Amino acid sequence: MSDDAIATAVIGAGDWGKNHIRKFHELGALKAFCETNPETQNRIKNEYGFEAYSYDAILTNPAIQAIVLTTPAHTHKELGLKAISHGKHLFIEKPIALNLEDALALNSAAKQKNVHLMVGHLLHYHPCFETLKQLVTQGELGALRHIHARRFNIGKFRQEENVIWDLGPHDVSMVLSLAQSEPLAVQCQSSSYLLPTVSDFASLQLSFANNINAEINLSWLAPQKEHRLIVVGEKAMAVFDDTLEWDEKLRIHHHKTAMEYGKPPVLERDMEGEAIKVPYKEPLLNECATFLESIANNKPAYSDGDEACMVTKILEQADPVLQQTAPLNKAI
């Protein structure tokens, strides 16, 4: 570990936790990890030379400044509040919680303890999305009109959370960032094919001021992986397709409309579009580095507790099981 790195412990070394272990190790910040599976413990120990510790041992170690929580979502509130109570800065993998009440509790506790809380809305730290946001901010697309997100895959089916909470945080977070406002209305249609109480397909519709609308389609039941964000503006459209090669992930399509002989508008379509060259930087490494920098510089990251609570509010409003418990005008 480098002398000036924020001493960090990763809690959970499963499918996603092992990636955080690798990245925080690359950044020179990894100090310890916690994992209950003996086989996984040995694998991490052999690869990185770290012993596994209990969660309590990590929390009571004054040398450890930050906790990275990659455990199942239903454990986030209990484990997160415990870390905050010990004065640890906290990164929580998405979703921050499975309801707004728990998300608010975590955010409030972090503010009271004056520790940084960041949530793993990874795509905010993807250079292609960062560039897309710049295009929107600089007016390259013109006034926004529509945002369409699709996140499909043959998923890892879950019972504690549905597809809305599993896949939805990424796209809701990006849509809110692009629209720069809270939606006026949220609607959702969902289906439960495998388990009657767990949605495995969902379509969210978000309506914003200034005639901006967004549609987010999520599915665990798709034959091919699809991670695509389409942003439609008055002057141009942009497509961020995270399944393509790096130099093809972000394209801009210019278009023009015109009346001809009093007939409805004719759209001149730029079908191929122009690939936007974005310098490569690994999104997860960028996200992990941002967490450490936010602590070192005492400056909140974009996906802080406030942003995570807003995302959670929208997900709760969309969830057919919870939608009656979270009116859209509920303060956060």
Protein backbone atom coordinates (compact mmCIF):
# COMPACT_ATOMS: atom_id res chain seq x y z
CA MET A 1 0.00 0.00 0.00
CA SER A 2 1.37 3.43 -0.89
CA ASP A 3 2.10 5.73 2.01
CA ASP A 4 -0.55 8.32 1.13
CA ALA A 5 -3.35 5.95 0.03
CA ILE A 6 -6.61 5.74 1.97
CA ALA A 7 -6.43 2.42 3.84
CA THR A 8 -9.41 0.45 2.52
CA ALA A 9 -11.09 -2.86 3.31
CA VAL A 10 -13.42 -4.68 0.90
CA ILE A 11 -16.31 -6.57 2.46
CA GLY A 12 -17.41 -9.45 0.24
CA ALA A 13 -15.16 -11.12 -2.35
CA GLY A 14 -17.80 -12.62 -4.62
CA ASP A 15 -18.52 -11.98 -8.28
CA TRP A 16 -18.24 -8.20 -8.02
CA GLY A 17 -16.30 -7.87 -4.78
CA LYS A 18 -13.29 -9.62 -6.29
CA ASN A 19 -13.15 -6.86 -8.92
CA HIS A 20 -13.07 -4.18 -6.24
CA ILE A 21 -10.33 -6.07 -4.43
CA ARG A 22 -8.28 -6.10 -7.62
CA LYS A 23 -8.78 -2.38 -8.34
CA PHE A 24 -8.15 -1.10 -4.83
CA HIS A 25 -5.04 -3.29 -4.77
CA GLU A 26 -3.90 -1.68 -8.04
CA LEU A 27 -4.46 1.73 -6.46
CA GLY A 28 -2.33 0.75 -3.48
CA ALA A 29 -5.19 1.21 -1.02
CA LEU A 30 -6.23 -2.35 -0.15
CA LYS A 31 -5.49 -3.14 3.50
CA ALA A 32 -7.83 -6.00 4.31
CA PHE A 33 -10.82 -7.97 3.14
CA CYS A 34 -13.71 -9.87 4.71
CA GLU A 35 -15.23 -13.00 3.19
CA THR A 36 -17.07 -15.88 4.85
CA ASN A 37 -16.49 -18.50 2.13
CA PRO A 38 -13.29 -20.44 3.02
CA GLU A 39 -12.52 -21.32 -0.62
CA THR A 40 -12.79 -17.68 -1.68
CA GLN A 41 -10.73 -16.60 1.34
CA ASN A 42 -7.87 -18.87 0.26
CA ARG A 43 -8.03 -17.73 -3.35
CA ILE A 44 -7.76 -14.05 -2.38
CA LYS A 45 -5.04 -14.79 0.18
CA ASN A 46 -2.97 -16.70 -2.39
CA GLU A 47 -3.42 -14.02 -5.05
CA TYR A 48 -2.84 -10.89 -2.97
CA GLY A 49 -1.19 -12.07 0.24
CA PHE A 50 -3.92 -10.73 2.53
CA GLU A 51 -5.52 -12.64 5.38
CA ALA A 52 -9.30 -12.50 5.74
CA TYR A 53 -10.60 -10.71 8.83
CA SER A 54 -13.99 -10.59 10.50
CA TYR A 55 -16.10 -7.53 9.87
CA ASP A 56 -15.86 -6.50 13.52
CA ALA A 57 -12.07 -6.79 13.45
CA ILE A 58 -11.93 -4.55 10.40
CA LEU A 59 -14.27 -1.96 11.91
CA THR A 60 -12.29 -1.77 15.14
CA ASN A 61 -8.96 -1.42 13.32
CA PRO A 62 -8.09 2.30 13.56
CA ALA A 63 -5.73 2.04 10.58
CA ILE A 64 -8.58 1.29 8.19
CA GLN A 65 -10.26 4.46 6.98
CA ALA A 66 -12.69 3.25 4.34
CA ILE A 67 -15.06 0.34 3.79
CA VAL A 68 -16.18 -1.00 0.40
CA LEU A 69 -19.41 -2.95 0.80
CA THR A 70 -20.10 -5.48 -1.97
CA THR A 71 -22.43 -7.75 -0.04
CA PRO A 72 -26.05 -8.52 -1.12
CA ALA A 73 -28.31 -5.47 -1.21
CA HIS A 74 -30.54 -6.57 1.65
CA THR A 75 -27.51 -6.42 4.00
CA HIS A 76 -26.46 -2.89 3.06
CA LYS A 77 -28.36 -0.98 5.71
CA GLU A 78 -27.20 -3.03 8.69
CA LEU A 79 -23.59 -3.39 7.59
CA GLY A 80 -23.41 0.17 6.27
CA LEU A 81 -24.73 1.78 9.45
CA LYS A 82 -22.26 -0.26 11.46
CA ALA A 83 -19.35 1.00 9.35
CA ILE A 84 -20.55 4.60 9.63
CA SER A 85 -20.94 4.30 13.40
CA HIS A 86 -17.23 3.44 13.55
CA GLY A 87 -16.37 6.56 11.55
CA LYS A 88 -15.43 4.74 8.34
CA HIS A 89 -15.92 6.30 4.92
CA LEU A 90 -18.23 4.04 2.95
CA PHE A 91 -18.59 2.87 -0.63
CA ILE A 92 -21.71 0.74 -1.23
CA GLU A 93 -22.17 -1.23 -4.42
CA LYS A 94 -25.51 -0.50 -6.08
CA PRO A 95 -28.25 -0.42 -5.05
CA ILE A 96 -27.62 1.52 -1.86
CA ALA A 97 -30.69 -0.21 -0.35
CA LEU A 98 -33.95 -1.84 -1.40
CA ASN A 99 -36.20 0.98 -0.20
CA LEU A 100 -36.00 4.72 0.30
CA GLU A 101 -36.30 4.56 4.09
CA ASP A 102 -33.09 2.52 4.38
CA ALA A 103 -31.28 4.71 1.84
CA LEU A 104 -32.23 7.85 3.76
CA ALA A 105 -31.06 6.27 7.02
CA LEU A 106 -27.63 5.54 5.55
CA ASN A 107 -27.30 8.99 4.01
CA SER A 108 -28.40 10.74 7.19
CA ALA A 109 -26.02 8.71 9.36
CA ALA A 110 -23.07 9.47 7.05
CA LYS A 111 -23.79 13.19 7.21
CA GLN A 112 -24.09 13.12 10.99
CA LYS A 113 -20.78 11.27 11.31
CA ASN A 114 -19.18 13.51 8.66
CA VAL A 115 -17.97 10.57 6.58
CA HIS A 116 -18.11 10.20 2.81
CA LEU A 117 -20.79 7.94 1.34
CA MET A 118 -20.51 6.91 -2.30
CA VAL A 119 -22.65 4.42 -4.23
CA GLY A 120 -21.53 2.27 -7.16
CA HIS A 121 -23.40 3.87 -10.04
CA LEU A 122 -20.51 2.74 -12.21
CA LEU A 123 -21.50 4.25 -15.55
CA HIS A 124 -21.04 7.79 -14.24
CA TYR A 125 -17.34 6.98 -14.23
CA HIS A 126 -17.34 5.50 -17.73
CA PRO A 127 -15.41 7.87 -20.02
CA CYS A 128 -17.97 7.38 -22.81
CA PHE A 129 -20.83 8.51 -20.58
CA GLU A 130 -18.71 11.38 -19.27
CA THR A 131 -18.17 12.46 -22.88
CA LEU A 132 -21.88 12.03 -23.69
CA LYS A 133 -22.76 14.32 -20.78
CA GLN A 134 -20.33 16.90 -22.12
CA LEU A 135 -22.01 16.74 -25.54
CA VAL A 136 -25.39 17.36 -23.91
CA THR A 137 -24.11 20.14 -21.65
CA GLN A 138 -22.37 21.89 -24.53
CA GLY A 139 -25.55 21.80 -26.62
CA GLU A 140 -24.20 19.49 -29.33
CA LEU A 141 -27.49 17.56 -29.39
CA GLY A 142 -29.72 20.61 -28.95
CA ALA A 143 -32.55 20.60 -26.44
CA LEU A 144 -33.19 17.10 -25.09
CA ARG A 145 -36.38 15.37 -26.18
CA HIS A 146 -36.15 11.67 -25.37
CA ILE A 147 -33.86 9.20 -23.60
CA HIS A 148 -34.15 5.47 -24.19
CA ALA A 149 -32.17 2.92 -22.17
CA ARG A 150 -32.07 -0.84 -22.67
CA ARG A 151 -30.29 -3.21 -20.26
CA PHE A 152 -30.93 -6.82 -21.24
CA ASN A 153 -29.20 -10.08 -20.46
CA ILE A 154 -29.75 -13.66 -19.42
CA GLY A 155 -29.28 -12.51 -15.89
CA LYS A 156 -28.24 -13.85 -12.56
CA PHE A 157 -31.71 -14.45 -11.17
CA ARG A 158 -32.26 -13.18 -7.65
CA GLN A 159 -34.92 -13.68 -5.02
CA GLU A 160 -34.11 -10.83 -2.61
CA GLU A 161 -34.37 -8.13 -5.32
CA ASN A 162 -36.08 -7.86 -8.69
CA VAL A 163 -34.78 -6.67 -12.04
CA ILE A 164 -35.73 -3.07 -11.23
CA TRP A 165 -33.35 -2.95 -8.26
CA ASP A 166 -30.69 -5.13 -9.88
CA LEU A 167 -30.34 -3.42 -13.27
CA GLY A 168 -32.32 -0.21 -12.87
CA PRO A 169 -29.95 1.90 -10.73
CA HIS A 170 -27.46 2.39 -13.57
CA ASP A 171 -29.95 3.70 -16.09
CA VAL A 172 -32.10 5.70 -13.69
CA SER A 173 -28.94 7.38 -12.46
CA MET A 174 -27.81 8.26 -16.00
CA VAL A 175 -31.25 9.52 -17.01
CA LEU A 176 -31.52 11.77 -13.96
CA SER A 177 -28.07 13.16 -14.69
CA LEU A 178 -28.92 13.96 -18.29
CA ALA A 179 -32.35 15.41 -17.55
CA GLN A 180 -30.94 17.47 -14.66
CA SER A 181 -34.22 17.34 -12.77
CA GLU A 182 -36.55 15.06 -10.87
CA PRO A 183 -39.30 13.43 -12.98
CA LEU A 184 -42.82 14.74 -12.72
CA ALA A 185 -44.26 11.26 -13.12
CA VAL A 186 -43.05 7.65 -13.02
CA GLN A 187 -44.86 4.67 -14.49
CA CYS A 188 -43.84 1.04 -14.73
CA GLN A 189 -45.02 -2.14 -16.38
CA SER A 190 -43.41 -5.34 -15.19
CA SER A 191 -43.72 -9.09 -15.57
CA SER A 192 -42.82 -12.00 -13.32
CA TYR A 193 -42.29 -15.18 -15.30
CA LEU A 194 -40.03 -17.26 -13.06
CA LEU A 195 -41.15 -16.25 -9.57
CA PRO A 196 -44.59 -14.70 -9.00
CA THR A 197 -43.27 -12.01 -6.63
CA VAL A 198 -40.00 -11.11 -8.42
CA SER A 199 -40.17 -9.01 -11.60
CA ASP A 200 -37.76 -10.26 -14.25
CA PHE A 201 -38.81 -7.76 -16.94
CA ALA A 202 -39.73 -4.11 -16.46
CA SER A 203 -40.35 -1.02 -18.55
CA LEU A 204 -40.13 2.35 -16.78
CA GLN A 205 -41.46 5.61 -18.20
CA LEU A 206 -40.24 8.87 -16.70
CA SER A 207 -41.74 12.25 -17.62
CA PHE A 208 -39.79 15.44 -16.98
CA ALA A 209 -40.42 19.14 -17.42
CA ASN A 210 -39.51 20.80 -20.75
CA ASN A 211 -41.14 17.95 -22.69
CA ILE A 212 -38.39 15.43 -21.90
CA ASN A 213 -39.40 11.78 -21.61
CA ALA A 214 -37.38 8.68 -20.84
CA GLU A 215 -38.00 4.97 -21.24
CA ILE A 216 -35.93 2.34 -19.46
CA ASN A 217 -36.31 -1.32 -20.43
CA LEU A 218 -34.81 -3.97 -18.15
CA SER A 219 -34.75 -7.74 -18.52
CA TRP A 220 -33.10 -10.85 -17.12
CA LEU A 221 -34.74 -12.84 -19.93
CA ALA A 222 -32.98 -11.83 -23.14
CA PRO A 223 -30.97 -14.06 -25.49
CA GLN A 224 -28.26 -11.43 -25.99
CA LYS A 225 -26.60 -8.87 -23.77
CA GLU A 226 -27.66 -5.31 -24.58
CA HIS A 227 -26.50 -2.20 -22.71
CA ARG A 228 -27.56 0.78 -24.82
CA LEU A 229 -28.44 4.39 -24.08
CA ILE A 230 -30.00 6.53 -26.83
CA VAL A 231 -30.26 10.28 -26.28
CA VAL A 232 -32.39 12.26 -28.72
CA GLY A 233 -32.02 16.00 -29.06
CA GLU A 234 -33.37 18.64 -31.43
CA LYS A 235 -30.18 18.70 -33.50
CA ALA A 236 -28.65 15.27 -33.08
CA MET A 237 -28.88 11.88 -31.42
CA ALA A 238 -26.18 10.05 -29.48
CA VAL A 239 -25.89 6.33 -28.86
CA PHE A 240 -23.79 4.84 -26.06
CA ASP A 241 -23.57 1.09 -26.64
CA ASP A 242 -21.39 -0.50 -23.97
CA THR A 243 -21.34 -3.90 -25.70
CA LEU A 244 -19.26 -2.62 -28.65
CA GLU A 245 -15.52 -2.19 -29.01
CA TRP A 246 -14.15 0.87 -27.23
CA ASP A 247 -13.82 3.11 -30.32
CA GLU A 248 -17.39 2.30 -31.37
CA LYS A 249 -19.15 2.65 -28.02
CA LEU A 250 -20.21 6.28 -28.53
CA ARG A 251 -21.63 7.65 -31.78
CA ILE A 252 -23.40 10.87 -32.68
CA HIS A 253 -26.02 11.01 -35.45
CA HIS A 254 -26.90 14.40 -36.91
CA HIS A 255 -30.36 14.91 -38.38
CA LYS A 256 -32.40 17.64 -40.00
CA THR A 257 -36.13 18.09 -40.50
CA ALA A 258 -37.82 20.20 -43.12
CA MET A 259 -41.28 20.78 -44.60
CA GLU A 260 -41.66 19.94 -48.29
CA TYR A 261 -44.58 21.37 -50.22
CA GLY A 262 -46.68 21.76 -47.11
CA LYS A 263 -46.36 18.09 -46.20
CA PRO A 264 -45.29 16.71 -42.82
CA PRO A 265 -41.60 17.13 -41.90
CA VAL A 266 -39.02 15.07 -43.74
CA LEU A 267 -36.20 13.69 -41.61
CA GLU A 268 -32.73 13.57 -43.13
CA ARG A 269 -31.20 10.65 -41.30
CA ASP A 270 -27.54 10.09 -40.60
CA MET A 271 -27.77 6.33 -40.25
CA GLU A 272 -24.10 5.52 -39.72
CA GLY A 273 -23.26 8.49 -37.55
CA GLU A 274 -19.84 9.57 -36.36
CA ALA A 275 -17.83 7.61 -33.83
CA ILE A 276 -16.63 9.82 -30.99
CA LYS A 277 -13.09 8.97 -30.00
CA VAL A 278 -12.84 8.72 -26.24
CA PRO A 279 -9.50 8.09 -24.50
CA TYR A 280 -9.54 4.72 -22.77
CA LYS A 281 -9.79 4.58 -19.01
CA GLU A 282 -11.20 1.60 -17.16
CA PRO A 283 -14.56 2.61 -15.62
CA LEU A 284 -14.22 0.56 -12.43
CA LEU A 285 -10.69 1.81 -11.79
CA ASN A 286 -11.94 5.35 -12.40
CA GLU A 287 -14.80 4.81 -9.95
CA CYS A 288 -12.56 3.37 -7.22
CA ALA A 289 -10.04 6.17 -7.67
CA THR A 290 -12.84 8.72 -7.42
CA PHE A 291 -13.90 7.29 -4.06
CA LEU A 292 -10.38 7.61 -2.68
CA GLU A 293 -9.99 11.11 -4.13
CA SER A 294 -13.29 12.25 -2.64
CA ILE A 295 -12.02 11.28 0.79
CA ALA A 296 -8.56 12.77 0.30
CA ASN A 297 -9.95 16.04 -1.07
CA ASN A 298 -13.03 16.12 1.18
CA LYS A 299 -15.23 16.57 -1.87
CA PRO A 300 -18.31 14.42 -2.54
CA ALA A 301 -18.38 12.21 -5.62
CA TYR A 302 -21.24 12.56 -8.10
CA SER A 303 -22.89 9.34 -6.93
CA ASP A 304 -23.00 10.41 -3.29
CA GLY A 305 -25.72 9.62 -0.77
CA ASP A 306 -28.03 12.39 -2.01
CA GLU A 307 -27.86 11.13 -5.60
CA ALA A 308 -28.35 7.54 -4.48
CA CYS A 309 -31.45 8.50 -2.48
CA MET A 310 -32.96 10.21 -5.52
CA VAL A 311 -32.31 7.09 -7.63
CA THR A 312 -33.82 4.92 -4.89
CA LYS A 313 -36.88 7.14 -4.74
CA ILE A 314 -37.52 6.57 -8.46
CA LEU A 315 -36.93 2.82 -8.20
CA GLU A 316 -39.31 2.58 -5.27
CA GLN A 317 -41.93 4.54 -7.17
CA ALA A 318 -41.53 2.14 -10.10
CA ASP A 319 -41.50 -1.11 -8.14
CA PRO A 320 -45.00 -2.64 -8.35
CA VAL A 321 -44.56 -4.11 -4.86
CA LEU A 322 -43.59 -0.81 -3.24
CA GLN A 323 -45.14 1.88 -5.41
CA GLN A 324 -48.01 2.53 -2.98
CA THR A 325 -45.58 3.34 -0.16
CA ALA A 326 -43.55 6.09 -1.81
CA PRO A 327 -45.53 9.04 -3.24
CA LEU A 328 -43.56 10.91 -5.87
CA ASN A 329 -43.52 14.10 -3.82
CA LYS A 330 -41.97 12.42 -0.78
CA ALA A 331 -39.07 14.58 0.36
CA ILE A 332 -35.56 13.19 0.54
